[in-house]
Every structure is written in structure tokens, then in C-alpha cells.
Amino acid sequence: MAKKDKNQASQDQETINDHPGNEDSAKQPPAADQSLRISELEKEVSVLNDQLKSTRDQLLRSVAEFDNYRRRSETEKQDLIKFGGEALIKDLLPFLDDLERSLNVPQADPVVFRDGVRLIYSNLVKALDQRGVKPLETVGKKFNVDEHDALLHIEKEGAEPDTVTEEVQKGYTYNGKVIRHAKVLVAK
């Protein structure tokens, strides 16, 4: 066992002598070279610190810009939701004015009054049509749950089963999407 310990100690000594950190002082660079190397490393550290500071500054600016963009987008989105129907409202105001004028006419002839209201109605339908609002055609069509709300199923002679026989309230689409189902009576 003592022989093993001697061999081990001898191998450890060889390993220590082979290690580059244990060279004798004659092989080490002179102090001037070390101070030059330290100076170069300090300059490199200074350059890297400047780059780090610049990169950190750029990152903070990017984060701030993104945060501003996010806030601006949110504000624009809220404004769009809040004022998105402004153009439609402006288009509807003349019809409101026409109705108000027709109500303020003293002792209007009922026929003339009715004709005036019909004119206002047809102009309103045209304005809505130009904006993409269209009435659903229902009477005589097959009942469709995507477009119709059945109020009653009724017996009607000559009508096919599941066919809309009467419209109680018009339904409308907006740019192809149903925005109000038609309330209808359906044949049994």
C-alpha cells in the first residue's frame, strides 16, 4: 500500500509541474508586458461597457416606443369604436329633419302627409342600402333559422310546410351578415 502512495505522489508532482500556472519566474513575462496587457484589457472592458450602455439605452428606447405605440393603437381603437358610426349618423340626420318638418306642418292633408312619409321612408331605405343594410326577403321562402325567428306555426291552405307565410317584422343584413332576424309566421 505504501508503494501505491509513493507512485500516486510522484504522479501528482508531475501533474503539478506540467500545469502552466506553475512555471518558474524566469518563464513569466516581465512586469511591463503585464501592465501593457492590463491596460489593453481595461480598454477592452471600457469599450464593452460603452457598448453595453448603448445597447441598454437602445433597448429602453425600443420598449418606450413600443409602449407608446400600444397606447396610441388602443386610443385609436377606442376612438374607432366610439366614433365609427359617425358617418352613418350624419347620413340619417336629414331624415330626422324631414320627419320633424312633416310633423310641424299645421293641419296637413292626410294624403299629402302619408305621401311625404313614404318619400322619407324610401329615401331612408336607399341611404341604408348604400351603406350595406338590406332587408331580408321572407314571404314565400323556406324557413331558415339563420334569417328567421318563427313566432307561430299556422295552417295555411296552399302553402308548403316550413314556408314563411307572413312577415311580422322585417329582418336586415349588414354587408351580408344578419343583424336582425325577421319575425315570421310559418306554415305547418
N, C-alpha and C. Protein backbone atom coordinates (compact mmCIF):
# COMPACT_ATOMS: atom_id res chain seq x y z
N MET A 1 0.81 -1.18 0.00
CA MET A 1 0.00 0.00 0.00
C MET A 1 0.87 1.26 0.00
N ALA A 2 2.01 1.21 0.70
CA ALA A 2 2.93 2.33 0.75
C ALA A 2 3.50 2.60 -0.62
N LYS A 3 3.69 1.54 -1.42
CA LYS A 3 4.22 1.69 -2.77
C LYS A 3 3.23 2.45 -3.65
N LYS A 4 1.95 2.16 -3.47
CA LYS A 4 0.92 2.86 -4.24
C LYS A 4 0.92 4.34 -3.90
N ASP A 5 1.05 4.69 -2.62
CA ASP A 5 1.05 6.08 -2.19
C ASP A 5 2.22 6.84 -2.79
N LYS A 6 3.42 6.17 -2.88
CA LYS A 6 4.58 6.82 -3.46
C LYS A 6 4.37 7.07 -4.95
N ASN A 7 3.81 6.07 -5.66
CA ASN A 7 3.54 6.24 -7.09
C ASN A 7 2.52 7.37 -7.32
N GLN A 8 1.52 7.41 -6.48
CA GLN A 8 0.49 8.44 -6.60
C GLN A 8 1.09 9.82 -6.36
N ALA A 9 1.91 9.96 -5.35
CA ALA A 9 2.54 11.24 -5.03
C ALA A 9 3.44 11.68 -6.16
N SER A 10 4.14 10.75 -6.76
CA SER A 10 5.04 11.06 -7.87
C SER A 10 4.24 11.54 -9.08
N GLN A 11 3.11 10.88 -9.36
CA GLN A 11 2.26 11.30 -10.49
C GLN A 11 1.65 12.68 -10.23
N ASP A 12 1.25 12.94 -8.99
CA ASP A 12 0.68 14.24 -8.65
C ASP A 12 1.70 15.35 -8.84
N GLN A 13 2.98 15.07 -8.47
CA GLN A 13 4.03 16.06 -8.62
C GLN A 13 4.28 16.36 -10.09
N GLU A 14 4.23 15.31 -10.95
CA GLU A 14 4.43 15.52 -12.38
C GLU A 14 3.29 16.36 -12.95
N THR A 15 2.08 16.09 -12.49
CA THR A 15 0.92 16.84 -12.97
C THR A 15 1.05 18.31 -12.58
N ILE A 16 1.47 18.56 -11.35
CA ILE A 16 1.64 19.93 -10.88
C ILE A 16 2.72 20.64 -11.68
N ASN A 17 3.82 19.94 -11.97
CA ASN A 17 4.91 20.55 -12.73
C ASN A 17 4.49 20.82 -14.17
N ASP A 18 3.59 19.99 -14.73
CA ASP A 18 3.15 20.18 -16.11
C ASP A 18 2.15 21.33 -16.23
N HIS A 19 1.52 21.71 -15.16
CA HIS A 19 0.48 22.76 -15.20
C HIS A 19 1.13 24.09 -15.54
N PRO A 20 0.55 24.85 -16.53
CA PRO A 20 1.18 26.08 -16.98
C PRO A 20 1.24 27.17 -15.92
N GLY A 21 0.40 27.13 -14.92
CA GLY A 21 0.43 28.17 -13.89
C GLY A 21 1.60 28.02 -12.94
N ASN A 22 2.32 26.92 -12.99
CA ASN A 22 3.40 26.67 -12.04
C ASN A 22 4.78 26.77 -12.68
N GLU A 23 4.92 27.60 -13.67
CA GLU A 23 6.22 27.77 -14.28
C GLU A 23 7.06 28.65 -13.36
N ASP A 24 8.33 28.51 -13.43
CA ASP A 24 9.14 29.36 -12.56
C ASP A 24 9.19 30.78 -13.10
N SER A 25 9.62 31.70 -12.27
CA SER A 25 9.54 33.12 -12.58
C SER A 25 10.35 33.51 -13.80
N ALA A 26 11.30 32.74 -14.22
CA ALA A 26 12.11 33.07 -15.39
C ALA A 26 11.27 32.99 -16.65
N LYS A 27 10.23 32.13 -16.65
CA LYS A 27 9.41 31.97 -17.84
C LYS A 27 8.24 32.96 -17.88
N GLN A 28 7.92 33.67 -16.81
CA GLN A 28 6.82 34.61 -16.76
C GLN A 28 7.20 35.90 -17.48
N PRO A 29 6.20 36.57 -18.10
CA PRO A 29 6.51 37.81 -18.81
C PRO A 29 6.93 38.91 -17.83
N PRO A 30 7.71 39.86 -18.31
CA PRO A 30 8.14 40.95 -17.43
C PRO A 30 6.95 41.81 -17.00
N ALA A 31 7.13 42.60 -15.97
CA ALA A 31 6.07 43.43 -15.39
C ALA A 31 5.55 44.45 -16.39
N ALA A 32 6.38 44.97 -17.28
CA ALA A 32 5.95 45.95 -18.27
C ALA A 32 4.94 45.33 -19.23
N ASP A 33 5.22 44.07 -19.63
CA ASP A 33 4.28 43.38 -20.52
C ASP A 33 2.94 43.15 -19.81
N GLN A 34 3.01 42.83 -18.52
CA GLN A 34 1.78 42.60 -17.77
C GLN A 34 0.97 43.89 -17.66
N SER A 35 1.62 44.99 -17.39
CA SER A 35 0.89 46.25 -17.25
C SER A 35 0.31 46.69 -18.60
N LEU A 36 1.04 46.39 -19.71
CA LEU A 36 0.51 46.68 -21.04
C LEU A 36 -0.73 45.84 -21.31
N ARG A 37 -0.64 44.57 -20.93
CA ARG A 37 -1.78 43.65 -21.12
C ARG A 37 -2.97 44.10 -20.28
N ILE A 38 -2.71 44.52 -19.05
CA ILE A 38 -3.78 45.00 -18.17
C ILE A 38 -4.41 46.26 -18.77
N SER A 39 -3.59 47.15 -19.29
CA SER A 39 -4.09 48.37 -19.91
C SER A 39 -4.99 48.05 -21.11
N GLU A 40 -4.55 47.08 -21.94
CA GLU A 40 -5.35 46.66 -23.10
C GLU A 40 -6.68 46.07 -22.65
N LEU A 41 -6.63 45.23 -21.62
CA LEU A 41 -7.86 44.61 -21.11
C LEU A 41 -8.80 45.67 -20.52
N GLU A 42 -8.23 46.67 -19.83
CA GLU A 42 -9.06 47.73 -19.27
C GLU A 42 -9.74 48.53 -20.39
N LYS A 43 -9.00 48.79 -21.47
CA LYS A 43 -9.59 49.48 -22.62
C LYS A 43 -10.71 48.64 -23.22
N GLU A 44 -10.47 47.34 -23.35
CA GLU A 44 -11.48 46.44 -23.91
C GLU A 44 -12.72 46.41 -23.02
N VAL A 45 -12.51 46.36 -21.70
CA VAL A 45 -13.63 46.39 -20.76
C VAL A 45 -14.39 47.71 -20.89
N SER A 46 -13.65 48.81 -21.04
CA SER A 46 -14.29 50.12 -21.20
C SER A 46 -15.14 50.16 -22.47
N VAL A 47 -14.59 49.63 -23.58
CA VAL A 47 -15.33 49.58 -24.85
C VAL A 47 -16.58 48.72 -24.69
N LEU A 48 -16.42 47.56 -24.06
CA LEU A 48 -17.57 46.67 -23.86
C LEU A 48 -18.62 47.31 -22.95
N ASN A 49 -18.18 48.04 -21.93
CA ASN A 49 -19.14 48.74 -21.06
C ASN A 49 -19.90 49.81 -21.84
N ASP A 50 -19.17 50.54 -22.72
CA ASP A 50 -19.84 51.55 -23.55
C ASP A 50 -20.86 50.89 -24.47
N GLN A 51 -20.48 49.76 -25.07
CA GLN A 51 -21.42 49.04 -25.95
C GLN A 51 -22.63 48.56 -25.16
N LEU A 52 -22.39 48.04 -23.95
CA LEU A 52 -23.49 47.58 -23.11
C LEU A 52 -24.42 48.74 -22.76
N LYS A 53 -23.83 49.89 -22.41
CA LYS A 53 -24.64 51.06 -22.08
C LYS A 53 -25.47 51.50 -23.29
N SER A 54 -24.84 51.51 -24.47
CA SER A 54 -25.54 51.89 -25.69
C SER A 54 -26.67 50.92 -26.01
N THR A 55 -26.38 49.63 -25.89
CA THR A 55 -27.39 48.60 -26.17
C THR A 55 -28.54 48.70 -25.17
N ARG A 56 -28.21 48.92 -23.91
CA ARG A 56 -29.25 49.06 -22.88
C ARG A 56 -30.12 50.28 -23.18
N ASP A 57 -29.48 51.39 -23.60
CA ASP A 57 -30.21 52.60 -23.95
C ASP A 57 -31.14 52.35 -25.14
N GLN A 58 -30.63 51.65 -26.16
CA GLN A 58 -31.46 51.32 -27.32
C GLN A 58 -32.64 50.45 -26.92
N LEU A 59 -32.39 49.49 -26.04
CA LEU A 59 -33.46 48.61 -25.57
C LEU A 59 -34.53 49.41 -24.83
N LEU A 60 -34.10 50.30 -23.95
CA LEU A 60 -35.07 51.11 -23.20
C LEU A 60 -35.88 52.01 -24.14
N ARG A 61 -35.21 52.57 -25.15
CA ARG A 61 -35.93 53.40 -26.12
C ARG A 61 -36.94 52.56 -26.91
N SER A 62 -36.52 51.35 -27.30
CA SER A 62 -37.43 50.47 -28.06
C SER A 62 -38.64 50.09 -27.22
N VAL A 63 -38.41 49.78 -25.96
CA VAL A 63 -39.51 49.44 -25.06
C VAL A 63 -40.45 50.63 -24.91
N ALA A 64 -39.89 51.83 -24.75
CA ALA A 64 -40.72 53.03 -24.61
C ALA A 64 -41.50 53.30 -25.90
N GLU A 65 -40.84 53.15 -27.05
CA GLU A 65 -41.53 53.36 -28.33
C GLU A 65 -42.67 52.36 -28.50
N PHE A 66 -42.42 51.10 -28.15
CA PHE A 66 -43.47 50.09 -28.27
C PHE A 66 -44.63 50.40 -27.33
N ASP A 67 -44.31 50.84 -26.12
CA ASP A 67 -45.36 51.18 -25.16
C ASP A 67 -46.19 52.35 -25.67
N ASN A 68 -45.53 53.35 -26.25
CA ASN A 68 -46.26 54.48 -26.85
C ASN A 68 -47.12 54.02 -28.01
N TYR A 69 -46.58 53.14 -28.85
CA TYR A 69 -47.34 52.60 -29.99
C TYR A 69 -48.57 51.85 -29.49
N ARG A 70 -48.39 51.04 -28.45
CA ARG A 70 -49.51 50.26 -27.91
C ARG A 70 -50.59 51.20 -27.38
N ARG A 71 -50.19 52.23 -26.64
CA ARG A 71 -51.17 53.19 -26.11
C ARG A 71 -51.88 53.94 -27.23
N ARG A 72 -51.11 54.36 -28.24
CA ARG A 72 -51.70 55.08 -29.37
C ARG A 72 -52.69 54.19 -30.12
N SER A 73 -52.32 52.92 -30.32
CA SER A 73 -53.21 51.97 -31.01
C SER A 73 -54.49 51.76 -30.21
N GLU A 74 -54.35 51.64 -28.90
CA GLU A 74 -55.53 51.44 -28.05
C GLU A 74 -56.45 52.66 -28.12
N THR A 75 -55.86 53.85 -28.11
CA THR A 75 -56.66 55.08 -28.22
C THR A 75 -57.37 55.15 -29.56
N GLU A 76 -56.65 54.81 -30.64
CA GLU A 76 -57.27 54.82 -31.97
C GLU A 76 -58.40 53.80 -32.05
N LYS A 77 -58.19 52.65 -31.43
CA LYS A 77 -59.23 51.61 -31.44
C LYS A 77 -60.47 52.10 -30.69
N GLN A 78 -60.26 52.71 -29.52
CA GLN A 78 -61.39 53.23 -28.75
C GLN A 78 -62.12 54.33 -29.52
N ASP A 79 -61.36 55.20 -30.20
CA ASP A 79 -61.99 56.25 -31.00
C ASP A 79 -62.78 55.67 -32.16
N LEU A 80 -62.24 54.63 -32.78
CA LEU A 80 -62.95 53.98 -33.89
C LEU A 80 -64.26 53.37 -33.40
N ILE A 81 -64.21 52.73 -32.25
CA ILE A 81 -65.44 52.16 -31.68
C ILE A 81 -66.42 53.28 -31.32
N LYS A 82 -65.91 54.33 -30.71
CA LYS A 82 -66.76 55.42 -30.24
C LYS A 82 -67.36 56.23 -31.39
N PHE A 83 -66.55 56.50 -32.42
CA PHE A 83 -67.00 57.39 -33.49
C PHE A 83 -67.16 56.68 -34.84
N GLY A 84 -67.12 55.36 -34.86
CA GLY A 84 -67.20 54.62 -36.11
C GLY A 84 -68.50 54.82 -36.86
N GLY A 85 -69.58 55.06 -36.16
CA GLY A 85 -70.88 55.24 -36.81
C GLY A 85 -71.20 56.69 -37.13
N GLU A 86 -70.22 57.56 -36.96
CA GLU A 86 -70.46 59.00 -37.17
C GLU A 86 -70.97 59.31 -38.57
N ALA A 87 -70.37 58.70 -39.58
CA ALA A 87 -70.79 58.96 -40.97
C ALA A 87 -72.24 58.53 -41.19
N LEU A 88 -72.60 57.37 -40.64
CA LEU A 88 -73.98 56.90 -40.78
C LEU A 88 -74.96 57.85 -40.07
N ILE A 89 -74.58 58.28 -38.89
CA ILE A 89 -75.45 59.21 -38.15
C ILE A 89 -75.64 60.49 -38.95
N LYS A 90 -74.56 61.01 -39.53
CA LYS A 90 -74.67 62.23 -40.34
C LYS A 90 -75.60 62.01 -41.53
N ASP A 91 -75.55 60.80 -42.12
CA ASP A 91 -76.44 60.49 -43.25
C ASP A 91 -77.90 60.37 -42.82
N LEU A 92 -78.14 59.99 -41.57
CA LEU A 92 -79.52 59.82 -41.09
C LEU A 92 -80.16 61.12 -40.61
N LEU A 93 -79.37 62.09 -40.26
CA LEU A 93 -79.91 63.35 -39.73
C LEU A 93 -80.88 64.05 -40.69
N PRO A 94 -80.64 64.07 -42.00
CA PRO A 94 -81.62 64.71 -42.89
C PRO A 94 -83.01 64.06 -42.82
N PHE A 95 -83.06 62.76 -42.59
CA PHE A 95 -84.36 62.08 -42.49
C PHE A 95 -85.07 62.50 -41.20
N LEU A 96 -84.30 62.66 -40.16
CA LEU A 96 -84.87 63.15 -38.91
C LEU A 96 -85.42 64.57 -39.10
N ASP A 97 -84.66 65.39 -39.81
CA ASP A 97 -85.13 66.76 -40.11
C ASP A 97 -86.42 66.73 -40.92
N ASP A 98 -86.48 65.86 -41.94
CA ASP A 98 -87.68 65.76 -42.78
C ASP A 98 -88.89 65.32 -41.96
N LEU A 99 -88.70 64.35 -41.08
CA LEU A 99 -89.81 63.89 -40.23
C LEU A 99 -90.27 65.01 -39.29
N GLU A 100 -89.33 65.73 -38.75
CA GLU A 100 -89.68 66.83 -37.85
C GLU A 100 -90.48 67.91 -38.60
N ARG A 101 -90.04 68.24 -39.80
CA ARG A 101 -90.77 69.24 -40.60
C ARG A 101 -92.18 68.75 -40.94
N SER A 102 -92.29 67.46 -41.26
CA SER A 102 -93.62 66.94 -41.62
C SER A 102 -94.56 66.95 -40.42
N LEU A 103 -94.03 66.77 -39.23
CA LEU A 103 -94.87 66.81 -38.03
C LEU A 103 -95.27 68.23 -37.66
N ASN A 104 -94.50 69.20 -38.07
CA ASN A 104 -94.78 70.60 -37.72
C ASN A 104 -95.66 71.32 -38.73
N VAL A 105 -96.07 70.66 -39.79
CA VAL A 105 -96.96 71.28 -40.78
C VAL A 105 -98.36 71.35 -40.17
N PRO A 106 -98.93 72.56 -40.06
CA PRO A 106 -100.27 72.67 -39.44
C PRO A 106 -101.36 72.12 -40.35
N GLN A 107 -102.22 71.32 -39.79
CA GLN A 107 -103.40 70.77 -40.47
C GLN A 107 -103.07 70.26 -41.87
N ALA A 108 -102.12 69.36 -41.93
CA ALA A 108 -101.73 68.79 -43.22
C ALA A 108 -102.81 67.84 -43.72
N ASP A 109 -102.97 67.81 -45.02
CA ASP A 109 -103.89 66.87 -45.66
C ASP A 109 -103.34 65.47 -45.40
N PRO A 110 -104.16 64.52 -44.90
CA PRO A 110 -103.68 63.18 -44.58
C PRO A 110 -103.02 62.48 -45.78
N VAL A 111 -103.53 62.69 -46.97
CA VAL A 111 -102.95 62.04 -48.16
C VAL A 111 -101.56 62.62 -48.43
N VAL A 112 -101.45 63.93 -48.35
CA VAL A 112 -100.16 64.59 -48.58
C VAL A 112 -99.16 64.17 -47.49
N PHE A 113 -99.64 64.11 -46.25
CA PHE A 113 -98.79 63.70 -45.13
C PHE A 113 -98.25 62.29 -45.35
N ARG A 114 -99.16 61.36 -45.72
CA ARG A 114 -98.77 59.97 -45.98
C ARG A 114 -97.76 59.90 -47.11
N ASP A 115 -97.99 60.63 -48.19
CA ASP A 115 -97.06 60.63 -49.33
C ASP A 115 -95.69 61.17 -48.91
N GLY A 116 -95.68 62.18 -48.05
CA GLY A 116 -94.41 62.73 -47.55
C GLY A 116 -93.64 61.71 -46.72
N VAL A 117 -94.38 61.01 -45.85
CA VAL A 117 -93.73 59.98 -45.03
C VAL A 117 -93.21 58.84 -45.90
N ARG A 118 -93.96 58.46 -46.93
CA ARG A 118 -93.49 57.42 -47.86
C ARG A 118 -92.20 57.86 -48.56
N LEU A 119 -92.13 59.10 -48.95
CA LEU A 119 -90.94 59.63 -49.61
C LEU A 119 -89.74 59.58 -48.65
N ILE A 120 -89.97 59.99 -47.42
CA ILE A 120 -88.90 59.92 -46.41
C ILE A 120 -88.45 58.48 -46.22
N TYR A 121 -89.42 57.56 -46.12
CA TYR A 121 -89.12 56.14 -45.94
C TYR A 121 -88.29 55.60 -47.11
N SER A 122 -88.70 55.89 -48.34
CA SER A 122 -87.96 55.35 -49.49
C SER A 122 -86.55 55.93 -49.56
N ASN A 123 -86.39 57.21 -49.22
CA ASN A 123 -85.05 57.81 -49.19
C ASN A 123 -84.18 57.19 -48.10
N LEU A 124 -84.79 56.88 -46.96
CA LEU A 124 -84.06 56.23 -45.88
C LEU A 124 -83.61 54.83 -46.29
N VAL A 125 -84.50 54.08 -46.93
CA VAL A 125 -84.15 52.73 -47.40
C VAL A 125 -82.99 52.80 -48.39
N LYS A 126 -83.01 53.79 -49.29
CA LYS A 126 -81.91 53.96 -50.26
C LYS A 126 -80.59 54.26 -49.55
N ALA A 127 -80.66 55.15 -48.56
CA ALA A 127 -79.44 55.52 -47.83
C ALA A 127 -78.86 54.32 -47.09
N LEU A 128 -79.73 53.54 -46.46
CA LEU A 128 -79.25 52.34 -45.76
C LEU A 128 -78.70 51.31 -46.74
N ASP A 129 -79.36 51.18 -47.89
CA ASP A 129 -78.88 50.25 -48.92
C ASP A 129 -77.48 50.64 -49.40
N GLN A 130 -77.24 51.93 -49.56
CA GLN A 130 -75.91 52.39 -49.97
C GLN A 130 -74.85 52.08 -48.91
N ARG A 131 -75.26 51.95 -47.67
CA ARG A 131 -74.36 51.62 -46.57
C ARG A 131 -74.25 50.12 -46.33
N GLY A 132 -74.94 49.30 -47.14
CA GLY A 132 -74.83 47.85 -46.99
C GLY A 132 -75.93 47.21 -46.18
N VAL A 133 -76.95 47.99 -45.76
CA VAL A 133 -78.07 47.45 -44.99
C VAL A 133 -79.17 47.09 -45.97
N LYS A 134 -79.55 45.80 -45.97
CA LYS A 134 -80.57 45.33 -46.91
C LYS A 134 -81.61 44.51 -46.16
N PRO A 135 -82.91 44.65 -46.56
CA PRO A 135 -83.95 43.85 -45.91
C PRO A 135 -83.90 42.41 -46.41
N LEU A 136 -84.28 41.50 -45.53
CA LEU A 136 -84.37 40.08 -45.91
C LEU A 136 -85.70 39.84 -46.62
N GLU A 137 -85.65 39.10 -47.69
CA GLU A 137 -86.88 38.67 -48.37
C GLU A 137 -87.34 37.40 -47.66
N THR A 138 -88.61 37.38 -47.22
CA THR A 138 -89.04 36.25 -46.39
C THR A 138 -90.28 35.53 -46.90
N VAL A 139 -91.34 36.25 -47.24
CA VAL A 139 -92.62 35.63 -47.58
C VAL A 139 -92.46 34.74 -48.81
N GLY A 140 -92.93 33.48 -48.65
CA GLY A 140 -92.85 32.51 -49.74
C GLY A 140 -91.54 31.73 -49.75
N LYS A 141 -90.61 32.09 -48.91
CA LYS A 141 -89.31 31.39 -48.84
C LYS A 141 -89.38 30.30 -47.78
N LYS A 142 -88.49 29.32 -47.92
CA LYS A 142 -88.38 28.27 -46.91
C LYS A 142 -87.88 28.89 -45.61
N PHE A 143 -88.40 28.41 -44.48
CA PHE A 143 -87.96 28.90 -43.17
C PHE A 143 -86.48 28.58 -42.99
N ASN A 144 -85.72 29.58 -42.57
CA ASN A 144 -84.28 29.43 -42.37
C ASN A 144 -83.95 30.00 -40.98
N VAL A 145 -83.47 29.15 -40.08
CA VAL A 145 -83.19 29.60 -38.71
C VAL A 145 -82.09 30.66 -38.67
N ASP A 146 -81.26 30.74 -39.69
CA ASP A 146 -80.20 31.74 -39.71
C ASP A 146 -80.72 33.14 -40.05
N GLU A 147 -81.94 33.21 -40.62
CA GLU A 147 -82.50 34.50 -41.02
C GLU A 147 -83.84 34.81 -40.35
N HIS A 148 -84.55 33.78 -39.90
CA HIS A 148 -85.93 33.97 -39.42
C HIS A 148 -86.08 33.55 -37.97
N ASP A 149 -87.00 34.23 -37.28
CA ASP A 149 -87.49 33.80 -35.97
C ASP A 149 -88.96 33.45 -36.17
N ALA A 150 -89.31 32.19 -35.95
CA ALA A 150 -90.71 31.76 -36.12
C ALA A 150 -91.50 32.14 -34.88
N LEU A 151 -92.53 32.96 -35.08
CA LEU A 151 -93.40 33.33 -33.97
C LEU A 151 -94.51 32.30 -33.79
N LEU A 152 -95.04 31.80 -34.91
CA LEU A 152 -96.12 30.81 -34.88
C LEU A 152 -95.99 29.86 -36.06
N HIS A 153 -96.47 28.65 -35.85
CA HIS A 153 -96.68 27.71 -36.96
C HIS A 153 -98.19 27.67 -37.19
N ILE A 154 -98.61 27.96 -38.39
CA ILE A 154 -100.05 28.05 -38.67
C ILE A 154 -100.41 27.15 -39.84
N GLU A 155 -101.71 26.79 -39.86
CA GLU A 155 -102.26 26.04 -41.00
C GLU A 155 -102.61 27.06 -42.07
N LYS A 156 -102.13 26.85 -43.27
CA LYS A 156 -102.45 27.77 -44.37
C LYS A 156 -102.64 26.93 -45.62
N GLU A 157 -103.81 27.06 -46.23
CA GLU A 157 -104.10 26.30 -47.45
C GLU A 157 -103.20 26.76 -48.58
N GLY A 158 -102.70 25.78 -49.32
CA GLY A 158 -101.87 26.07 -50.48
C GLY A 158 -100.42 26.38 -50.16
N ALA A 159 -100.07 26.48 -48.89
CA ALA A 159 -98.69 26.79 -48.53
C ALA A 159 -97.94 25.50 -48.22
N GLU A 160 -96.73 25.40 -48.72
CA GLU A 160 -95.90 24.22 -48.43
C GLU A 160 -95.46 24.27 -46.97
N PRO A 161 -95.28 23.10 -46.35
CA PRO A 161 -94.80 23.08 -44.97
C PRO A 161 -93.44 23.77 -44.84
N ASP A 162 -93.22 24.40 -43.71
CA ASP A 162 -91.98 25.13 -43.40
C ASP A 162 -91.71 26.29 -44.35
N THR A 163 -92.77 26.88 -44.87
CA THR A 163 -92.64 28.06 -45.72
C THR A 163 -93.15 29.27 -44.96
N VAL A 164 -92.46 30.38 -45.09
CA VAL A 164 -92.87 31.62 -44.43
C VAL A 164 -94.13 32.13 -45.13
N THR A 165 -95.19 32.31 -44.33
CA THR A 165 -96.45 32.78 -44.90
C THR A 165 -96.70 34.26 -44.65
N GLU A 166 -96.12 34.78 -43.57
CA GLU A 166 -96.35 36.19 -43.24
C GLU A 166 -95.14 36.72 -42.47
N GLU A 167 -94.84 37.99 -42.74
CA GLU A 167 -93.74 38.66 -42.04
C GLU A 167 -94.32 39.65 -41.04
N VAL A 168 -93.99 39.48 -39.77
CA VAL A 168 -94.48 40.37 -38.72
C VAL A 168 -93.51 41.54 -38.53
N GLN A 169 -92.22 41.26 -38.63
CA GLN A 169 -91.20 42.31 -38.53
C GLN A 169 -90.06 41.99 -39.49
N LYS A 170 -89.65 43.00 -40.26
CA LYS A 170 -88.58 42.79 -41.24
C LYS A 170 -87.27 42.43 -40.57
N GLY A 171 -86.50 41.62 -41.28
CA GLY A 171 -85.13 41.33 -40.86
C GLY A 171 -84.17 42.04 -41.80
N TYR A 172 -82.94 42.26 -41.33
CA TYR A 172 -81.97 43.00 -42.13
C TYR A 172 -80.59 42.35 -42.07
N THR A 173 -79.85 42.57 -43.17
CA THR A 173 -78.45 42.17 -43.20
C THR A 173 -77.60 43.44 -43.34
N TYR A 174 -76.40 43.35 -42.83
CA TYR A 174 -75.44 44.44 -42.98
C TYR A 174 -74.18 43.84 -43.59
N ASN A 175 -73.91 44.21 -44.84
CA ASN A 175 -72.78 43.65 -45.59
C ASN A 175 -72.79 42.12 -45.56
N GLY A 176 -73.97 41.55 -45.73
CA GLY A 176 -74.12 40.10 -45.82
C GLY A 176 -74.31 39.39 -44.49
N LYS A 177 -74.16 40.07 -43.38
CA LYS A 177 -74.34 39.46 -42.06
C LYS A 177 -75.72 39.84 -41.52
N VAL A 178 -76.45 38.84 -41.02
CA VAL A 178 -77.77 39.11 -40.46
C VAL A 178 -77.60 39.92 -39.18
N ILE A 179 -78.21 41.11 -39.16
CA ILE A 179 -78.13 41.94 -37.95
C ILE A 179 -79.46 41.94 -37.19
N ARG A 180 -80.54 41.54 -37.87
CA ARG A 180 -81.82 41.35 -37.19
C ARG A 180 -82.59 40.28 -37.94
N HIS A 181 -82.98 39.24 -37.22
CA HIS A 181 -83.78 38.17 -37.81
C HIS A 181 -85.20 38.68 -38.08
N ALA A 182 -85.78 38.19 -39.16
CA ALA A 182 -87.16 38.54 -39.47
C ALA A 182 -88.08 37.72 -38.57
N LYS A 183 -89.10 38.36 -38.03
CA LYS A 183 -90.10 37.64 -37.21
C LYS A 183 -91.22 37.23 -38.16
N VAL A 184 -91.45 35.92 -38.25
CA VAL A 184 -92.34 35.40 -39.29
C VAL A 184 -93.32 34.37 -38.74
N LEU A 185 -94.38 34.14 -39.55
CA LEU A 185 -95.30 33.04 -39.32
C LEU A 185 -94.97 31.97 -40.35
N VAL A 186 -94.97 30.71 -39.92
CA VAL A 186 -94.52 29.62 -40.78
C VAL A 186 -95.65 28.60 -40.94
N ALA A 187 -95.81 28.10 -42.17
CA ALA A 187 -96.85 27.09 -42.45
C ALA A 187 -96.42 25.75 -41.86
N LYS A 188 -97.46 25.03 -41.31
CA LYS A 188 -97.20 23.67 -40.78
C LYS A 188 -97.07 22.68 -41.90
